[in-house]
PDB file of N, CA and C in Angstrom:
ATOM      1  N   MET A   1     -22.216  17.713  13.793  1.00  0.00           N
ATOM      2  CA  MET A   1     -21.992  17.750  12.880  1.00  0.00           C
ATOM      3  C   MET A   1     -21.768  15.804  12.275  1.00  0.00           C
ATOM      4  N   PRO A   2     -22.229  15.594  11.615  1.00  0.00           N
ATOM      5  CA  PRO A   2     -21.987  14.189  10.659  1.00  0.00           C
ATOM      6  C   PRO A   2     -20.842  13.971  10.459  1.00  0.00           C
ATOM      7  N   LYS A   3     -20.422  12.547  10.700  1.00  0.00           N
ATOM      8  CA  LYS A   3     -18.936  11.968  10.463  1.00  0.00           C
ATOM      9  C   LYS A   3     -18.852  11.861   8.719  1.00  0.00           C
ATOM     10  N   MET A   4     -17.747  12.192   8.111  1.00  0.00           N
ATOM     11  CA  MET A   4     -17.422  12.274   6.979  1.00  0.00           C
ATOM     12  C   MET A   4     -17.783  11.000   6.354  1.00  0.00           C
ATOM     13  N   LYS A   5     -17.696  10.515   5.534  1.00  0.00           N
ATOM     14  CA  LYS A   5     -17.215   8.861   4.678  1.00  0.00           C
ATOM     15  C   LYS A   5     -15.973   8.935   4.095  1.00  0.00           C
ATOM     16  N   THR A   6     -15.270   8.249   4.214  1.00  0.00           N
ATOM     17  CA  THR A   6     -14.076   7.653   3.288  1.00  0.00           C
ATOM     18  C   THR A   6     -14.596   7.547   2.030  1.00  0.00           C
ATOM     19  N   HIS A   7     -13.537   7.460   1.495  1.00  0.00           N
ATOM     20  CA  HIS A   7     -14.408   7.510  -0.373  1.00  0.00           C
ATOM     21  C   HIS A   7     -13.557   5.951  -0.379  1.00  0.00           C
ATOM     22  N   SER A   8     -14.481   4.633  -0.910  1.00  0.00           N
ATOM     23  CA  SER A   8     -14.447   3.482  -0.566  1.00  0.00           C
ATOM     24  C   SER A   8     -13.217   3.219  -1.535  1.00  0.00           C
ATOM     25  N   SER A   9     -13.149   3.402  -3.083  1.00  0.00           N
ATOM     26  CA  SER A   9     -12.198   3.163  -3.701  1.00  0.00           C
ATOM     27  C   SER A   9     -10.975   3.706  -3.877  1.00  0.00           C
ATOM     28  N   SER A  10     -10.679   5.033  -2.937  1.00  0.00           N
ATOM     29  CA  SER A  10      -9.319   5.225  -2.421  1.00  0.00           C
ATOM     30  C   SER A  10      -8.669   4.765  -1.142  1.00  0.00           C
ATOM     31  N   LYS A  11      -9.104   3.886   0.047  1.00  0.00           N
ATOM     32  CA  LYS A  11      -8.802   2.994   0.711  1.00  0.00           C
ATOM     33  C   LYS A  11      -8.488   1.960   0.214  1.00  0.00           C
ATOM     34  N   LYS A  12      -8.623   1.669  -1.069  1.00  0.00           N
ATOM     35  CA  LYS A  12      -8.341   0.634  -1.549  1.00  0.00           C
ATOM     36  C   LYS A  12      -6.858   0.360  -2.058  1.00  0.00           C
ATOM     37  N   ARG A  13      -6.771   1.729  -2.780  1.00  0.00           N
ATOM     38  CA  ARG A  13      -5.660   2.064  -3.928  1.00  0.00           C
ATOM     39  C   ARG A  13      -4.612   2.535  -2.937  1.00  0.00           C
ATOM     40  N   PHE A  14      -4.482   3.690  -2.065  1.00  0.00           N
ATOM     41  CA  PHE A  14      -3.818   4.119  -1.271  1.00  0.00           C
ATOM     42  C   PHE A  14      -3.410   3.900  -0.046  1.00  0.00           C
ATOM     43  N   LYS A  15      -2.321   4.025   0.698  1.00  0.00           N
ATOM     44  CA  LYS A  15      -1.809   3.576   1.822  1.00  0.00           C
ATOM     45  C   LYS A  15      -1.103   4.759   2.297  1.00  0.00           C
ATOM     46  N   ILE A  16      -1.038   5.130   3.495  1.00  0.00           N
ATOM     47  CA  ILE A  16      -0.374   6.285   4.208  1.00  0.00           C
ATOM     48  C   ILE A  16       0.480   5.716   4.818  1.00  0.00           C
ATOM     49  N   THR A  17       1.798   6.453   4.830  1.00  0.00           N
ATOM     50  CA  THR A  17       3.347   6.374   5.205  1.00  0.00           C
ATOM     51  C   THR A  17       3.105   6.891   7.128  1.00  0.00           C
ATOM     52  N   GLY A  18       4.095   6.652   7.402  1.00  0.00           N
ATOM     53  CA  GLY A  18       4.169   7.538   8.770  1.00  0.00           C
ATOM     54  C   GLY A  18       4.453   8.471   8.808  1.00  0.00           C
ATOM     55  N   THR A  19       4.979   8.967   7.735  1.00  0.00           N
ATOM     56  CA  THR A  19       5.337  10.608   7.574  1.00  0.00           C
ATOM     57  C   THR A  19       3.886  11.554   6.969  1.00  0.00           C
ATOM     58  N   GLY A  20       2.671  11.008   6.782  1.00  0.00           N
ATOM     59  CA  GLY A  20       1.915  11.484   6.219  1.00  0.00           C
ATOM     60  C   GLY A  20       1.525  11.412   4.353  1.00  0.00           C
ATOM     61  N   LYS A  21       2.620  10.475   4.043  1.00  0.00           N
ATOM     62  CA  LYS A  21       3.128  10.747   2.302  1.00  0.00           C
ATOM     63  C   LYS A  21       2.098   9.356   2.117  1.00  0.00           C
ATOM     64  N   PHE A  22       1.361   9.951   0.610  1.00  0.00           N
ATOM     65  CA  PHE A  22       0.281   8.688  -0.007  1.00  0.00           C
ATOM     66  C   PHE A  22       1.207   7.780  -0.720  1.00  0.00           C
ATOM     67  N   MET A  23       0.854   6.547  -0.718  1.00  0.00           N
ATOM     68  CA  MET A  23       2.197   5.374  -1.558  1.00  0.00           C
ATOM     69  C   MET A  23       0.752   4.489  -2.384  1.00  0.00           C
ATOM     70  N   ARG A  24       1.451   4.691  -3.778  1.00  0.00           N
ATOM     71  CA  ARG A  24       0.348   4.015  -4.657  1.00  0.00           C
ATOM     72  C   ARG A  24       0.981   2.803  -5.528  1.00  0.00           C
ATOM     73  N   LYS A  25       0.392   1.930  -6.054  1.00  0.00           N
ATOM     74  CA  LYS A  25       0.804   1.323  -7.274  1.00  0.00           C
ATOM     75  C   LYS A  25       1.401   1.441  -8.357  1.00  0.00           C
ATOM     76  N   LYS A  26       2.078   1.175  -8.999  1.00  0.00           N
ATOM     77  CA  LYS A  26       2.366   1.463 -10.313  1.00  0.00           C
ATOM     78  C   LYS A  26       1.531   0.935 -11.560  1.00  0.00           C
ATOM     79  N   ALA A  27       1.094   1.656 -12.516  1.00  0.00           N
ATOM     80  CA  ALA A  27       0.169   1.219 -13.642  1.00  0.00           C
ATOM     81  C   ALA A  27       1.025   0.485 -14.237  1.00  0.00           C
ATOM     82  N   GLY A  28       0.287  -0.928 -15.234  1.00  0.00           N
ATOM     83  CA  GLY A  28       1.202  -1.694 -15.947  1.00  0.00           C
ATOM     84  C   GLY A  28       1.143  -3.170 -15.421  1.00  0.00           C
ATOM     85  N   LYS A  29       0.763  -3.885 -14.747  1.00  0.00           N
ATOM     86  CA  LYS A  29       1.165  -4.581 -14.490  1.00  0.00           C
ATOM     87  C   LYS A  29       0.054  -5.709 -14.396  1.00  0.00           C
ATOM     88  N   GLN A  30      -1.042  -5.332 -14.811  1.00  0.00           N
ATOM     89  CA  GLN A  30      -2.464  -6.283 -14.833  1.00  0.00           C
ATOM     90  C   GLN A  30      -2.678  -7.275 -16.056  1.00  0.00           C
ATOM     91  N   HIS A  31      -2.247  -7.347 -17.493  1.00  0.00           N
ATOM     92  CA  HIS A  31      -2.038  -8.045 -18.531  1.00  0.00           C
ATOM     93  C   HIS A  31      -1.200  -7.385 -19.931  1.00  0.00           C
ATOM     94  N   ILE A  32      -1.065  -8.142 -20.189  1.00  0.00           N
ATOM     95  CA  ILE A  32      -0.393  -8.255 -21.651  1.00  0.00           C
ATOM     96  C   ILE A  32       1.305  -8.231 -21.329  1.00  0.00           C
ATOM     97  N   LEU A  33       1.568  -9.271 -20.068  1.00  0.00           N
ATOM     98  CA  LEU A  33       3.030  -9.164 -19.532  1.00  0.00           C
ATOM     99  C   LEU A  33       4.039 -10.224 -20.102  1.00  0.00           C
ATOM    100  N   ALA A  34       3.251 -10.581 -21.355  1.00  0.00           N
ATOM    101  CA  ALA A  34       4.402 -11.464 -22.214  1.00  0.00           C
ATOM    102  C   ALA A  34       5.364 -10.643 -22.893  1.00  0.00           C
ATOM    103  N   LYS A  35       5.320  -9.493 -23.570  1.00  0.00           N
ATOM    104  CA  LYS A  35       5.891  -8.726 -23.881  1.00  0.00           C
ATOM    105  C   LYS A  35       7.099  -7.394 -23.352  1.00  0.00           C
ATOM    106  N   LYS A  36       6.505  -7.450 -22.385  1.00  0.00           N
ATOM    107  CA  LYS A  36       7.592  -6.483 -21.214  1.00  0.00           C
ATOM    108  C   LYS A  36       8.675  -7.197 -20.492  1.00  0.00           C
ATOM    109  N   SER A  37       9.693  -6.923 -20.408  1.00  0.00           N
ATOM    110  CA  SER A  37      10.739  -7.407 -19.581  1.00  0.00           C
ATOM    111  C   SER A  37      10.595  -7.937 -18.319  1.00  0.00           C
ATOM    112  N   THR A  38      11.434  -8.495 -17.822  1.00  0.00           N
ATOM    113  CA  THR A  38      11.220  -9.005 -16.553  1.00  0.00           C
ATOM    114  C   THR A  38      11.868  -7.835 -15.464  1.00  0.00           C
ATOM    115  N   LYS A  39      12.761  -7.042 -15.903  1.00  0.00           N
ATOM    116  CA  LYS A  39      13.429  -6.040 -15.146  1.00  0.00           C
ATOM    117  C   LYS A  39      12.256  -4.771 -15.300  1.00  0.00           C
ATOM    118  N   ARG A  40      11.511  -4.836 -16.032  1.00  0.00           N
ATOM    119  CA  ARG A  40      10.604  -3.950 -16.086  1.00  0.00           C
ATOM    120  C   ARG A  40       9.012  -4.348 -15.624  1.00  0.00           C
ATOM    121  N   LYS A  41       9.110  -5.463 -15.199  1.00  0.00           N
ATOM    122  CA  LYS A  41       7.612  -6.133 -14.198  1.00  0.00           C
ATOM    123  C   LYS A  41       8.137  -6.248 -13.027  1.00  0.00           C
ATOM    124  N   ARG A  42       9.751  -6.413 -12.979  1.00  0.00           N
ATOM    125  CA  ARG A  42      10.382  -6.171 -11.467  1.00  0.00           C
ATOM    126  C   ARG A  42       9.969  -4.876 -10.994  1.00  0.00           C
ATOM    127  N   ASN A  43      10.135  -3.895 -11.660  1.00  0.00           N
ATOM    128  CA  ASN A  43      10.293  -2.501 -11.203  1.00  0.00           C
ATOM    129  C   ASN A  43       9.271  -1.745 -11.126  1.00  0.00           C
ATOM    130  N   LEU A  44       8.103  -2.363 -11.677  1.00  0.00           N
ATOM    131  CA  LEU A  44       6.564  -2.126 -11.498  1.00  0.00           C
ATOM    132  C   LEU A  44       5.845  -2.999 -10.190  1.00  0.00           C
ATOM    133  N   ARG A  45       6.866  -3.487  -9.345  1.00  0.00           N
ATOM    134  CA  ARG A  45       6.436  -4.037  -8.147  1.00  0.00           C
ATOM    135  C   ARG A  45       6.395  -3.085  -6.972  1.00  0.00           C
ATOM    136  N   GLN A  46       7.764  -2.343  -7.129  1.00  0.00           N
ATOM    137  CA  GLN A  46       7.825  -1.368  -6.114  1.00  0.00           C
ATOM    138  C   GLN A  46       6.525  -0.134  -5.932  1.00  0.00           C
ATOM    139  N   PRO A  47       6.198  -0.179  -4.884  1.00  0.00           N
ATOM    140  CA  PRO A  47       4.705   1.146  -4.839  1.00  0.00           C
ATOM    141  C   PRO A  47       5.652   2.341  -4.795  1.00  0.00           C
ATOM    142  N   THR A  48       5.079   3.754  -5.288  1.00  0.00           N
ATOM    143  CA  THR A  48       5.841   4.677  -4.939  1.00  0.00           C
ATOM    144  C   THR A  48       4.443   5.684  -4.926  1.00  0.00           C
ATOM    145  N   GLU A  49       5.246   7.056  -4.757  1.00  0.00           N
ATOM    146  CA  GLU A  49       4.606   8.212  -3.490  1.00  0.00           C
ATOM    147  C   GLU A  49       3.882   8.754  -4.658  1.00  0.00           C
ATOM    148  N   VAL A  50       2.442   9.173  -4.216  1.00  0.00           N
ATOM    149  CA  VAL A  50       1.650   9.763  -5.135  1.00  0.00           C
ATOM    150  C   VAL A  50       1.803  11.556  -5.322  1.00  0.00           C
ATOM    151  N   ASP A  51       2.108  11.946  -6.238  1.00  0.00           N
ATOM    152  CA  ASP A  51       2.620  13.167  -6.862  1.00  0.00           C
ATOM    153  C   ASP A  51       1.608  14.475  -5.471  1.00  0.00           C
ATOM    154  N   LYS A  52       2.677  15.558  -5.257  1.00  0.00           N
ATOM    155  CA  LYS A  52       2.145  16.403  -4.367  1.00  0.00           C
ATOM    156  C   LYS A  52       1.205  16.929  -4.834  1.00  0.00           C
ATOM    157  N   THR A  53       0.996  17.278  -6.410  1.00  0.00           N
ATOM    158  CA  THR A  53      -0.246  18.056  -6.943  1.00  0.00           C
ATOM    159  C   THR A  53      -1.791  17.610  -6.556  1.00  0.00           C
ATOM    160  N   HIS A  54      -1.533  16.015  -6.061  1.00  0.00           N
ATOM    161  CA  HIS A  54      -2.853  15.313  -5.820  1.00  0.00           C
ATOM    162  C   HIS A  54      -2.662  15.146  -4.602  1.00  0.00           C
ATOM    163  N   GLU A  55      -2.068  15.668  -3.372  1.00  0.00           N
ATOM    164  CA  GLU A  55      -2.452  15.093  -2.012  1.00  0.00           C
ATOM    165  C   GLU A  55      -3.232  15.751  -1.086  1.00  0.00           C
ATOM    166  N   ASN A  56      -3.467  16.839  -1.442  1.00  0.00           N
ATOM    167  CA  ASN A  56      -4.620  17.669  -0.996  1.00  0.00           C
ATOM    168  C   ASN A  56      -6.527  16.930  -1.367  1.00  0.00           C
ATOM    169  N   LYS A  57      -6.359  16.604  -2.575  1.00  0.00           N
ATOM    170  CA  LYS A  57      -7.317  15.768  -2.881  1.00  0.00           C
ATOM    171  C   LYS A  57      -8.031  14.726  -2.421  1.00  0.00           C
ATOM    172  N   LEU A  58      -6.837  13.947  -2.545  1.00  0.00           N
ATOM    173  CA  LEU A  58      -6.555  12.679  -1.403  1.00  0.00           C
ATOM    174  C   LEU A  58      -7.010  12.700   0.051  1.00  0.00           C
ATOM    175  N   ARG A  59      -6.451  13.912   0.575  1.00  0.00           N
ATOM    176  CA  ARG A  59      -6.826  14.250   1.848  1.00  0.00           C
ATOM    177  C   ARG A  59      -8.173  14.267   2.447  1.00  0.00           C
ATOM    178  N   LYS A  60      -8.563  14.950   1.012  1.00  0.00           N
ATOM    179  CA  LYS A  60     -10.379  15.327   1.503  1.00  0.00           C
ATOM    180  C   LYS A  60     -11.234  13.871   1.350  1.00  0.00           C
ATOM    181  N   LEU A  61     -10.482  12.914   0.495  1.00  0.00           N
ATOM    182  CA  LEU A  61     -11.257  11.651   0.317  1.00  0.00           C
ATOM    183  C   LEU A  61     -11.452  11.029   0.956  1.00  0.00           C
ATOM    184  N   MET A  62      -9.646  11.081   1.961  1.00  0.00           N
ATOM    185  CA  MET A  62      -9.934  10.094   3.152  1.00  0.00           C
ATOM    186  C   MET A  62      -9.649  11.082   4.186  1.00  0.00           C
ATOM    187  N   PRO A  63     -10.633  11.423   4.865  1.00  0.00           N
ATOM    188  CA  PRO A  63     -10.665  12.133   6.208  1.00  0.00           C
ATOM    189  C   PRO A  63      -9.325  11.908   7.146  1.00  0.00           C
ATOM    190  N   TYR A  64      -9.981  10.602   7.644  1.00  0.00           N
ATOM    191  CA  TYR A  64      -9.466   9.684   8.908  1.00  0.00           C
ATOM    192  C   TYR A  64      -7.840   9.111   8.528  1.00  0.00           C
ATOM    193  N   HIS A  65      -7.868   9.104   7.530  1.00  0.00           N
ATOM    194  CA  HIS A  65      -5.970   8.861   7.486  1.00  0.00           C
ATOM    195  C   HIS A  65      -4.960   9.725   7.300  1.00  0.00           C
ATOM    196  N   ASN A  66      -5.072  10.689   7.707  1.00  0.00           N
ATOM    197  CA  ASN A  66      -4.216  11.875   7.682  1.00  0.00           C
ATOM    198  C   ASN A  66      -3.541  12.065   8.856  1.00  0.00           C
ATOM    199  N   LYS A  67      -2.300  12.156   8.221  1.00  0.00           N
ATOM    200  CA  LYS A  67      -1.360  12.457   9.594  1.00  0.00           C
ATOM    201  C   LYS A  67      -1.194  14.189  10.448  1.00  0.00           C
TER     202      LYS A  67
END
């Protein structure tokens, strides 16, 4: 059986932790930053976990990045 291909945009957007959870960047830090408070922009820097409901979909998109 041929190898499965990893979804190219997914591998750029998501990282997998040692425990197998997917991490993503928060939305809202690309433009129109002048009106956002420093605290809000600082909190947008931290990566966050992908919701459990989307994990199965990501595992299919990234078959060789699973734990």
